[in-house]
Amino acid sequence: GVSCVSSADGSTYYTDSVKGRFTISRDNAKNMVYLQMNS
């Protein structure tokens, strides 16, 4: 598991190896989830 986003409050979690580099987000209006991966 790399990252996840909850449905209740949008809380996000990251495995240690990607913290600070990856960002997860969700757009409920579009039924889309994204993973921005930098560095």
PDB file of all heavy atoms in Angstrom:
ATOM      1  N   GLY A   1       0.829  -1.186   0.000  1.00  0.00           N
ATOM      2  CA  GLY A   1       0.000   0.000   0.000  1.00  0.00           C
ATOM      3  C   GLY A   1       0.868   1.241   0.000  1.00  0.00           C
ATOM      4  O   GLY A   1       1.796   1.363   0.808  1.00  0.00           O
ATOM      5  N   VAL A   2       0.586   2.154  -0.899  1.00  0.00           N
ATOM      6  CA  VAL A   2       1.368   3.372  -1.055  1.00  0.00           C
ATOM      7  C   VAL A   2       0.709   4.546  -0.346  1.00  0.00           C
ATOM      8  O   VAL A   2       1.359   5.298   0.387  1.00  0.00           O
ATOM      9  CB  VAL A   2       1.566   3.700  -2.546  1.00  0.00           C
ATOM     10  CG1 VAL A   2       2.300   5.022  -2.719  1.00  0.00           C
ATOM     11  CG2 VAL A   2       2.314   2.574  -3.241  1.00  0.00           C
ATOM     12  N   SER A   3      -0.576   4.709  -0.585  1.00  0.00           N
ATOM     13  CA  SER A   3      -1.292   5.857  -0.072  1.00  0.00           C
ATOM     14  C   SER A   3      -2.781   5.560  -0.118  1.00  0.00           C
ATOM     15  O   SER A   3      -3.229   4.710  -0.889  1.00  0.00           O
ATOM     16  CB  SER A   3      -0.971   7.104  -0.908  1.00  0.00           C
ATOM     17  OG  SER A   3      -1.617   8.251  -0.403  1.00  0.00           O
ATOM     18  N   CYS A   4      -3.537   6.263   0.700  1.00  0.00           N
ATOM     19  CA  CYS A   4      -4.983   6.107   0.653  1.00  0.00           C
ATOM     20  C   CYS A   4      -5.641   7.377   1.137  1.00  0.00           C
ATOM     21  O   CYS A   4      -5.025   8.212   1.804  1.00  0.00           O
ATOM     22  CB  CYS A   4      -5.464   4.894   1.461  1.00  0.00           C
ATOM     23  SG  CYS A   4      -5.221   5.018   3.246  1.00  0.00           S
ATOM     24  N   VAL A   5      -6.911   7.495   0.796  1.00  0.00           N
ATOM     25  CA  VAL A   5      -7.728   8.615   1.230  1.00  0.00           C
ATOM     26  C   VAL A   5      -9.060   8.063   1.701  1.00  0.00           C
ATOM     27  O   VAL A   5      -9.693   7.254   1.023  1.00  0.00           O
ATOM     28  CB  VAL A   5      -7.879   9.674   0.113  1.00  0.00           C
ATOM     29  CG1 VAL A   5      -8.453   9.073  -1.156  1.00  0.00           C
ATOM     30  CG2 VAL A   5      -8.723  10.842   0.596  1.00  0.00           C
ATOM     31  N   SER A   6      -9.474   8.484   2.882  1.00  0.00           N
ATOM     32  CA  SER A   6     -10.720   8.005   3.440  1.00  0.00           C
ATOM     33  C   SER A   6     -11.900   8.712   2.803  1.00  0.00           C
ATOM     34  O   SER A   6     -11.769   9.758   2.159  1.00  0.00           O
ATOM     35  CB  SER A   6     -10.738   8.202   4.956  1.00  0.00           C
ATOM     36  OG  SER A   6     -10.815   9.580   5.291  1.00  0.00           O
ATOM     37  N   SER A   7     -13.085   8.126   2.997  1.00  0.00           N
ATOM     38  CA  SER A   7     -14.302   8.754   2.502  1.00  0.00           C
ATOM     39  C   SER A   7     -14.937   9.677   3.515  1.00  0.00           C
ATOM     40  O   SER A   7     -15.626  10.624   3.145  1.00  0.00           O
ATOM     41  CB  SER A   7     -15.316   7.685   2.075  1.00  0.00           C
ATOM     42  OG  SER A   7     -15.711   6.885   3.176  1.00  0.00           O
ATOM     43  N   ALA A   8     -14.740   9.399   4.820  1.00  0.00           N
ATOM     44  CA  ALA A   8     -15.446  10.127   5.856  1.00  0.00           C
ATOM     45  C   ALA A   8     -15.020  11.581   5.932  1.00  0.00           C
ATOM     46  O   ALA A   8     -15.859  12.486   5.977  1.00  0.00           O
ATOM     47  CB  ALA A   8     -15.246   9.452   7.205  1.00  0.00           C
ATOM     48  N   ASP A   9     -13.715  11.810   5.951  1.00  0.00           N
ATOM     49  CA  ASP A   9     -13.206  13.160   6.168  1.00  0.00           C
ATOM     50  C   ASP A   9     -12.060  13.522   5.242  1.00  0.00           C
ATOM     51  O   ASP A   9     -11.463  14.585   5.401  1.00  0.00           O
ATOM     52  CB  ASP A   9     -12.777  13.345   7.622  1.00  0.00           C
ATOM     53  CG  ASP A   9     -11.706  12.373   8.066  1.00  0.00           C
ATOM     54  OD1 ASP A   9     -11.228  11.577   7.230  1.00  0.00           O
ATOM     55  OD2 ASP A   9     -11.342  12.394   9.255  1.00  0.00           O
ATOM     56  N   GLY A  10     -11.738  12.659   4.297  1.00  0.00           N
ATOM     57  CA  GLY A  10     -10.661  12.940   3.376  1.00  0.00           C
ATOM     58  C   GLY A  10      -9.274  12.777   3.952  1.00  0.00           C
ATOM     59  O   GLY A  10      -8.308  13.252   3.344  1.00  0.00           O
ATOM     60  N   SER A  11      -9.154  12.117   5.097  1.00  0.00           N
ATOM     61  CA  SER A  11      -7.842  11.887   5.684  1.00  0.00           C
ATOM     62  C   SER A  11      -6.969  11.074   4.740  1.00  0.00           C
ATOM     63  O   SER A  11      -7.450  10.148   4.077  1.00  0.00           O
ATOM     64  CB  SER A  11      -7.969  11.155   7.018  1.00  0.00           C
ATOM     65  OG  SER A  11      -8.698  11.931   7.953  1.00  0.00           O
ATOM     66  N   THR A  12      -5.706  11.416   4.704  1.00  0.00           N
ATOM     67  CA  THR A  12      -4.767  10.757   3.806  1.00  0.00           C
ATOM     68  C   THR A  12      -3.639  10.112   4.587  1.00  0.00           C
ATOM     69  O   THR A  12      -3.257  10.582   5.669  1.00  0.00           O
ATOM     70  CB  THR A  12      -4.191  11.740   2.783  1.00  0.00           C
ATOM     71  OG1 THR A  12      -3.519  12.804   3.474  1.00  0.00           O
ATOM     72  CG2 THR A  12      -5.297  12.325   1.914  1.00  0.00           C
ATOM     73  N   TYR A  13      -3.080   9.054   4.006  1.00  0.00           N
ATOM     74  CA  TYR A  13      -1.998   8.305   4.623  1.00  0.00           C
ATOM     75  C   TYR A  13      -1.007   7.905   3.550  1.00  0.00           C
ATOM     76  O   TYR A  13      -1.377   7.691   2.394  1.00  0.00           O
ATOM     77  CB  TYR A  13      -2.541   7.065   5.340  1.00  0.00           C
ATOM     78  CG  TYR A  13      -3.524   7.405   6.422  1.00  0.00           C
ATOM     79  CD1 TYR A  13      -4.874   7.548   6.137  1.00  0.00           C
ATOM     80  CD2 TYR A  13      -3.102   7.611   7.735  1.00  0.00           C
ATOM     81  CE1 TYR A  13      -5.778   7.892   7.122  1.00  0.00           C
ATOM     82  CE2 TYR A  13      -3.996   7.952   8.726  1.00  0.00           C
ATOM     83  CZ  TYR A  13      -5.331   8.094   8.415  1.00  0.00           C
ATOM     84  OH  TYR A  13      -6.228   8.435   9.398  1.00  0.00           O
ATOM     85  N   TYR A  14       0.262   7.801   3.974  1.00  0.00           N
ATOM     86  CA  TYR A  14       1.340   7.483   3.055  1.00  0.00           C
ATOM     87  C   TYR A  14       2.308   6.516   3.701  1.00  0.00           C
ATOM     88  O   TYR A  14       2.615   6.622   4.895  1.00  0.00           O
ATOM     89  CB  TYR A  14       2.115   8.745   2.655  1.00  0.00           C
ATOM     90  CG  TYR A  14       1.258   9.797   2.009  1.00  0.00           C
ATOM     91  CD1 TYR A  14       0.629  10.771   2.778  1.00  0.00           C
ATOM     92  CD2 TYR A  14       1.076   9.812   0.629  1.00  0.00           C
ATOM     93  CE1 TYR A  14      -0.171  11.740   2.185  1.00  0.00           C
ATOM     94  CE2 TYR A  14       0.282  10.781   0.033  1.00  0.00           C
ATOM     95  CZ  TYR A  14      -0.338  11.741   0.815  1.00  0.00           C
ATOM     96  OH  TYR A  14      -1.123  12.695   0.220  1.00  0.00           O
ATOM     97  N   THR A  15       2.791   5.591   2.903  1.00  0.00           N
ATOM     98  CA  THR A  15       3.867   4.756   3.385  1.00  0.00           C
ATOM     99  C   THR A  15       5.133   5.603   3.503  1.00  0.00           C
ATOM    100  O   THR A  15       5.309   6.594   2.791  1.00  0.00           O
ATOM    101  CB  THR A  15       4.071   3.547   2.459  1.00  0.00           C
ATOM    102  OG1 THR A  15       4.920   2.590   3.091  1.00  0.00           O
ATOM    103  CG2 THR A  15       4.675   3.960   1.135  1.00  0.00           C
ATOM    104  N   ASP A  16       6.010   5.216   4.415  1.00  0.00           N
ATOM    105  CA  ASP A  16       7.148   6.061   4.754  1.00  0.00           C
ATOM    106  C   ASP A  16       8.010   6.406   3.545  1.00  0.00           C
ATOM    107  O   ASP A  16       8.545   7.517   3.451  1.00  0.00           O
ATOM    108  CB  ASP A  16       8.011   5.383   5.817  1.00  0.00           C
ATOM    109  CG  ASP A  16       7.391   5.409   7.193  1.00  0.00           C
ATOM    110  OD1 ASP A  16       6.434   6.177   7.409  1.00  0.00           O
ATOM    111  OD2 ASP A  16       7.872   4.663   8.065  1.00  0.00           O
ATOM    112  N   SER A  17       8.150   5.489   2.630  1.00  0.00           N
ATOM    113  CA  SER A  17       9.068   5.695   1.523  1.00  0.00           C
ATOM    114  C   SER A  17       8.623   6.780   0.548  1.00  0.00           C
ATOM    115  O   SER A  17       9.430   7.250  -0.251  1.00  0.00           O
ATOM    116  CB  SER A  17       9.288   4.387   0.763  1.00  0.00           C
ATOM    117  OG  SER A  17       8.092   3.933   0.163  1.00  0.00           O
ATOM    118  N   VAL A  18       7.360   7.190   0.605  1.00  0.00           N
ATOM    119  CA  VAL A  18       6.869   8.204  -0.328  1.00  0.00           C
ATOM    120  C   VAL A  18       6.449   9.487   0.364  1.00  0.00           C
ATOM    121  O   VAL A  18       6.082  10.458  -0.325  1.00  0.00           O
ATOM    122  CB  VAL A  18       5.702   7.672  -1.185  1.00  0.00           C
ATOM    123  CG1 VAL A  18       6.069   6.349  -1.834  1.00  0.00           C
ATOM    124  CG2 VAL A  18       4.423   7.542  -0.366  1.00  0.00           C
ATOM    125  N   LYS A  19       6.510   9.545   1.672  1.00  0.00           N
ATOM    126  CA  LYS A  19       6.106  10.753   2.383  1.00  0.00           C
ATOM    127  C   LYS A  19       6.945  11.935   1.940  1.00  0.00           C
ATOM    128  O   LYS A  19       8.165  11.846   1.823  1.00  0.00           O
ATOM    129  CB  LYS A  19       6.243  10.550   3.893  1.00  0.00           C
ATOM    130  CG  LYS A  19       5.187   9.652   4.488  1.00  0.00           C
ATOM    131  CD  LYS A  19       5.380   9.485   5.989  1.00  0.00           C
ATOM    132  CE  LYS A  19       4.312   8.589   6.576  1.00  0.00           C
ATOM    133  NZ  LYS A  19       4.540   8.338   8.026  1.00  0.00           N
ATOM    134  N   GLY A  20       6.269  13.034   1.702  1.00  0.00           N
ATOM    135  CA  GLY A  20       6.938  14.237   1.245  1.00  0.00           C
ATOM    136  C   GLY A  20       7.132  14.313  -0.249  1.00  0.00           C
ATOM    137  O   GLY A  20       7.504  15.374  -0.757  1.00  0.00           O
ATOM    138  N   ARG A  21       6.895  13.217  -0.947  1.00  0.00           N
ATOM    139  CA  ARG A  21       7.066  13.189  -2.396  1.00  0.00           C
ATOM    140  C   ARG A  21       5.760  12.947  -3.145  1.00  0.00           C
ATOM    141  O   ARG A  21       5.576  13.478  -4.244  1.00  0.00           O
ATOM    142  CB  ARG A  21       8.069  12.104  -2.798  1.00  0.00           C
ATOM    143  CG  ARG A  21       9.453  12.299  -2.205  1.00  0.00           C
ATOM    144  CD  ARG A  21      10.458  11.313  -2.796  1.00  0.00           C
ATOM    145  NE  ARG A  21      10.111   9.924  -2.502  1.00  0.00           N
ATOM    146  CZ  ARG A  21       9.850   9.003  -3.430  1.00  0.00           C
ATOM    147  NH1 ARG A  21       9.886   9.320  -4.722  1.00  0.00           N
ATOM    148  NH2 ARG A  21       9.558   7.761  -3.072  1.00  0.00           N
ATOM    149  N   PHE A  22       4.870  12.150  -2.573  1.00  0.00           N
ATOM    150  CA  PHE A  22       3.605  11.802  -3.215  1.00  0.00           C
ATOM    151  C   PHE A  22       2.455  12.499  -2.506  1.00  0.00           C
ATOM    152  O   PHE A  22       2.488  12.695  -1.278  1.00  0.00           O
ATOM    153  CB  PHE A  22       3.356  10.293  -3.158  1.00  0.00           C
ATOM    154  CG  PHE A  22       4.265   9.443  -4.012  1.00  0.00           C
ATOM    155  CD1 PHE A  22       5.392   9.960  -4.621  1.00  0.00           C
ATOM    156  CD2 PHE A  22       3.962   8.107  -4.197  1.00  0.00           C
ATOM    157  CE1 PHE A  22       6.219   9.168  -5.393  1.00  0.00           C
ATOM    158  CE2 PHE A  22       4.780   7.303  -4.972  1.00  0.00           C
ATOM    159  CZ  PHE A  22       5.905   7.824  -5.570  1.00  0.00           C
ATOM    160  N   THR A  23       1.424  12.834  -3.263  1.00  0.00           N
ATOM    161  CA  THR A  23       0.223  13.428  -2.707  1.00  0.00           C
ATOM    162  C   THR A  23      -0.996  12.766  -3.329  1.00  0.00           C
ATOM    163  O   THR A  23      -1.120  12.727  -4.558  1.00  0.00           O
ATOM    164  CB  THR A  23       0.165  14.943  -2.968  1.00  0.00           C
ATOM    165  OG1 THR A  23       1.332  15.577  -2.430  1.00  0.00           O
ATOM    166  CG2 THR A  23      -1.071  15.545  -2.310  1.00  0.00           C
ATOM    167  N   ILE A  24      -1.877  12.257  -2.484  1.00  0.00           N
ATOM    168  CA  ILE A  24      -3.128  11.673  -2.953  1.00  0.00           C
ATOM    169  C   ILE A  24      -4.248  12.695  -2.779  1.00  0.00           C
ATOM    170  O   ILE A  24      -4.248  13.478  -1.822  1.00  0.00           O
ATOM    171  CB  ILE A  24      -3.453  10.366  -2.204  1.00  0.00           C
ATOM    172  CG1 ILE A  24      -4.608   9.613  -2.876  1.00  0.00           C
ATOM    173  CG2 ILE A  24      -3.760  10.629  -0.737  1.00  0.00           C
ATOM    174  CD1 ILE A  24      -4.831   8.208  -2.321  1.00  0.00           C
ATOM    175  N   SER A  25      -5.187  12.685  -3.701  1.00  0.00           N
ATOM    176  CA  SER A  25      -6.340  13.556  -3.592  1.00  0.00           C
ATOM    177  C   SER A  25      -7.530  12.874  -4.253  1.00  0.00           C
ATOM    178  O   SER A  25      -7.366  11.975  -5.085  1.00  0.00           O
ATOM    179  CB  SER A  25      -6.080  14.923  -4.224  1.00  0.00           C
ATOM    180  OG  SER A  25      -5.766  14.801  -5.598  1.00  0.00           O
ATOM    181  N   ARG A  26      -8.717  13.299  -3.863  1.00  0.00           N
ATOM    182  CA  ARG A  26      -9.919  12.777  -4.495  1.00  0.00           C
ATOM    183  C   ARG A  26     -10.855  13.915  -4.830  1.00  0.00           C
ATOM    184  O   ARG A  26     -10.939  14.917  -4.109  1.00  0.00           O
ATOM    185  CB  ARG A  26     -10.620  11.731  -3.604  1.00  0.00           C
ATOM    186  CG  ARG A  26     -11.235  12.274  -2.319  1.00  0.00           C
ATOM    187  CD  ARG A  26     -11.725  11.134  -1.420  1.00  0.00           C
ATOM    188  NE  ARG A  26     -12.826  10.383  -2.005  1.00  0.00           N
ATOM    189  CZ  ARG A  26     -13.229   9.183  -1.592  1.00  0.00           C
ATOM    190  NH1 ARG A  26     -12.588   8.584  -0.595  1.00  0.00           N
ATOM    191  NH2 ARG A  26     -14.252   8.582  -2.182  1.00  0.00           N
ATOM    192  N   ASP A  27     -11.552  13.746  -5.932  1.00  0.00           N
ATOM    193  CA  ASP A  27     -12.542  14.704  -6.380  1.00  0.00           C
ATOM    194  C   ASP A  27     -13.864  13.953  -6.431  1.00  0.00           C
ATOM    195  O   ASP A  27     -14.144  13.231  -7.387  1.00  0.00           O
ATOM    196  CB  ASP A  27     -12.165  15.265  -7.748  1.00  0.00           C
ATOM    197  CG  ASP A  27     -13.097  16.366  -8.212  1.00  0.00           C
ATOM    198  OD1 ASP A  27     -14.243  16.443  -7.733  1.00  0.00           O
ATOM    199  OD2 ASP A  27     -12.678  17.163  -9.068  1.00  0.00           O
ATOM    200  N   ASN A  28     -14.659  14.106  -5.389  1.00  0.00           N
ATOM    201  CA  ASN A  28     -15.896  13.339  -5.297  1.00  0.00           C
ATOM    202  C   ASN A  28     -16.895  13.721  -6.381  1.00  0.00           C
ATOM    203  O   ASN A  28     -17.702  12.892  -6.801  1.00  0.00           O
ATOM    204  CB  ASN A  28     -16.519  13.514  -3.912  1.00  0.00           C
ATOM    205  CG  ASN A  28     -15.770  12.771  -2.833  1.00  0.00           C
ATOM    206  OD1 ASN A  28     -14.858  11.994  -3.114  1.00  0.00           O
ATOM    207  ND2 ASN A  28     -16.146  13.009  -1.586  1.00  0.00           N
ATOM    208  N   ALA A  29     -16.855  14.961  -6.829  1.00  0.00           N
ATOM    209  CA  ALA A  29     -17.770  15.392  -7.875  1.00  0.00           C
ATOM    210  C   ALA A  29     -17.491  14.692  -9.192  1.00  0.00           C
ATOM    211  O   ALA A  29     -18.394  14.507 -10.006  1.00  0.00           O
ATOM    212  CB  ALA A  29     -17.697  16.904  -8.050  1.00  0.00           C
ATOM    213  N   LYS A  30     -16.239  14.307  -9.421  1.00  0.00           N
ATOM    214  CA  LYS A  30     -15.841  13.668 -10.668  1.00  0.00           C
ATOM    215  C   LYS A  30     -15.575  12.176 -10.526  1.00  0.00           C
ATOM    216  O   LYS A  30     -15.244  11.519 -11.517  1.00  0.00           O
ATOM    217  CB  LYS A  30     -14.590  14.340 -11.227  1.00  0.00           C
ATOM    218  CG  LYS A  30     -14.774  15.798 -11.598  1.00  0.00           C
ATOM    219  CD  LYS A  30     -13.489  16.375 -12.168  1.00  0.00           C
ATOM    220  CE  LYS A  30     -13.668  17.823 -12.572  1.00  0.00           C
ATOM    221  NZ  LYS A  30     -12.417  18.399 -13.114  1.00  0.00           N
ATOM    222  N   ASN A  31     -15.707  11.638  -9.329  1.00  0.00           N
ATOM    223  CA  ASN A  31     -15.369  10.234  -9.067  1.00  0.00           C
ATOM    224  C   ASN A  31     -13.947   9.919  -9.533  1.00  0.00           C
ATOM    225  O   ASN A  31     -13.692   8.914 -10.202  1.00  0.00           O
ATOM    226  CB  ASN A  31     -16.370   9.294  -9.731  1.00  0.00           C
ATOM    227  CG  ASN A  31     -17.719   9.282  -9.050  1.00  0.00           C
ATOM    228  OD1 ASN A  31     -18.017  10.107  -8.186  1.00  0.00           O
ATOM    229  ND2 ASN A  31     -18.567   8.342  -9.440  1.00  0.00           N
ATOM    230  N   MET A  32     -13.034  10.790  -9.159  1.00  0.00           N
ATOM    231  CA  MET A  32     -11.639  10.644  -9.563  1.00  0.00           C
ATOM    232  C   MET A  32     -10.732  10.681  -8.341  1.00  0.00           C
ATOM    233  O   MET A  32     -10.992  11.406  -7.370  1.00  0.00           O
ATOM    234  CB  MET A  32     -11.227  11.760 -10.515  1.00  0.00           C
ATOM    235  CG  MET A  32     -11.939  11.743 -11.854  1.00  0.00           C
ATOM    236  SD  MET A  32     -11.384  10.384 -12.922  1.00  0.00           S
ATOM    237  CE  MET A  32      -9.688  10.865 -13.238  1.00  0.00           C
ATOM    238  N   VAL A  33      -9.664   9.922  -8.419  1.00  0.00           N
ATOM    239  CA  VAL A  33      -8.604   9.937  -7.428  1.00  0.00           C
ATOM    240  C   VAL A  33      -7.288  10.119  -8.165  1.00  0.00           C
ATOM    241  O   VAL A  33      -7.093   9.551  -9.245  1.00  0.00           O
ATOM    242  CB  VAL A  33      -8.587   8.647  -6.587  1.00  0.00           C
ATOM    243  CG1 VAL A  33      -7.468   8.698  -5.560  1.00  0.00           C
ATOM    244  CG2 VAL A  33      -9.926   8.443  -5.895  1.00  0.00           C
ATOM    245  N   TYR A  34      -6.396  10.881  -7.556  1.00  0.00           N
ATOM    246  CA  TYR A  34      -5.126  11.191  -8.183  1.00  0.00           C
ATOM    247  C   TYR A  34      -3.981  10.852  -7.239  1.00  0.00           C
ATOM    248  O   TYR A  34      -4.127  10.874  -6.016  1.00  0.00           O
ATOM    249  CB  TYR A  34      -5.043  12.676  -8.549  1.00  0.00           C
ATOM    250  CG  TYR A  34      -6.200  13.148  -9.377  1.00  0.00           C
ATOM    251  CD1 TYR A  34      -7.293  13.774  -8.790  1.00  0.00           C
ATOM    252  CD2 TYR A  34      -6.207  12.966 -10.761  1.00  0.00           C
ATOM    253  CE1 TYR A  34      -8.367  14.205  -9.552  1.00  0.00           C
ATOM    254  CE2 TYR A  34      -7.274  13.394 -11.531  1.00  0.00           C
ATOM    255  CZ  TYR A  34      -8.345  14.014 -10.922  1.00  0.00           C
ATOM    256  OH  TYR A  34      -9.408  14.440 -11.685  1.00  0.00           O
ATOM    257  N   LEU A  35      -2.856  10.555  -7.827  1.00  0.00           N
ATOM    258  CA  LEU A  35      -1.629  10.398  -7.076  1.00  0.00           C
ATOM    259  C   LEU A  35      -0.555  11.209  -7.778  1.00  0.00           C
ATOM    260  O   LEU A  35      -0.072  10.812  -8.845  1.00  0.00           O
ATOM    261  CB  LEU A  35      -1.211   8.929  -6.966  1.00  0.00           C
ATOM    262  CG  LEU A  35      -0.003   8.658  -6.068  1.00  0.00           C
ATOM    263  CD1 LEU A  35      -0.349   8.941  -4.608  1.00  0.00           C
ATOM    264  CD2 LEU A  35       0.488   7.224  -6.229  1.00  0.00           C
ATOM    265  N   GLN A  36      -0.226  12.347  -7.200  1.00  0.00           N
ATOM    266  CA  GLN A  36       0.846  13.176  -7.711  1.00  0.00           C
ATOM    267  C   GLN A  36       2.157  12.659  -7.157  1.00  0.00           C
ATOM    268  O   GLN A  36       2.331  12.596  -5.940  1.00  0.00           O
ATOM    269  CB  GLN A  36       0.638  14.639  -7.314  1.00  0.00           C
ATOM    270  CG  GLN A  36       1.740  15.579  -7.777  1.00  0.00           C
ATOM    271  CD  GLN A  36       1.788  15.730  -9.276  1.00  0.00           C
ATOM    272  OE1 GLN A  36       0.758  15.904  -9.917  1.00  0.00           O
ATOM    273  NE2 GLN A  36       2.982  15.640  -9.845  1.00  0.00           N
ATOM    274  N   MET A  37       3.070  12.301  -8.028  1.00  0.00           N
ATOM    275  CA  MET A  37       4.342  11.709  -7.644  1.00  0.00           C
ATOM    276  C   MET A  37       5.460  12.623  -8.107  1.00  0.00           C
ATOM    277  O   MET A  37       5.653  12.827  -9.308  1.00  0.00           O
ATOM    278  CB  MET A  37       4.499  10.316  -8.250  1.00  0.00           C
ATOM    279  CG  MET A  37       3.340   9.373  -7.943  1.00  0.00           C
ATOM    280  SD  MET A  37       3.652   7.671  -8.491  1.00  0.00           S
ATOM    281  CE  MET A  37       3.758   7.927 -10.259  1.00  0.00           C
ATOM    282  N   ASN A  38       6.182  13.160  -7.152  1.00  0.00           N
ATOM    283  CA  ASN A  38       7.303  14.045  -7.428  1.00  0.00           C
ATOM    284  C   ASN A  38       8.601  13.408  -6.953  1.00  0.00           C
ATOM    285  O   ASN A  38       8.603  12.476  -6.159  1.00  0.00           O
ATOM    286  CB  ASN A  38       7.109  15.394  -6.726  1.00  0.00           C
ATOM    287  CG  ASN A  38       5.890  16.140  -7.196  1.00  0.00           C
ATOM    288  OD1 ASN A  38       5.514  16.064  -8.367  1.00  0.00           O
ATOM    289  ND2 ASN A  38       5.263  16.884  -6.286  1.00  0.00           N
ATOM    290  N   SER A  39       9.701  13.947  -7.434  1.00  0.00           N
ATOM    291  CA  SER A  39      11.029  13.476  -7.034  1.00  0.00           C
ATOM    292  C   SER A  39      11.134  11.965  -7.146  1.00  0.00           C
ATOM    293  O   SER A  39      11.596  11.276  -6.231  1.00  0.00           O
ATOM    294  CB  SER A  39      11.347  13.937  -5.607  1.00  0.00           C
ATOM    295  OG  SER A  39      11.309  15.344  -5.507  1.00  0.00           O
TER     296      SER A  39
END
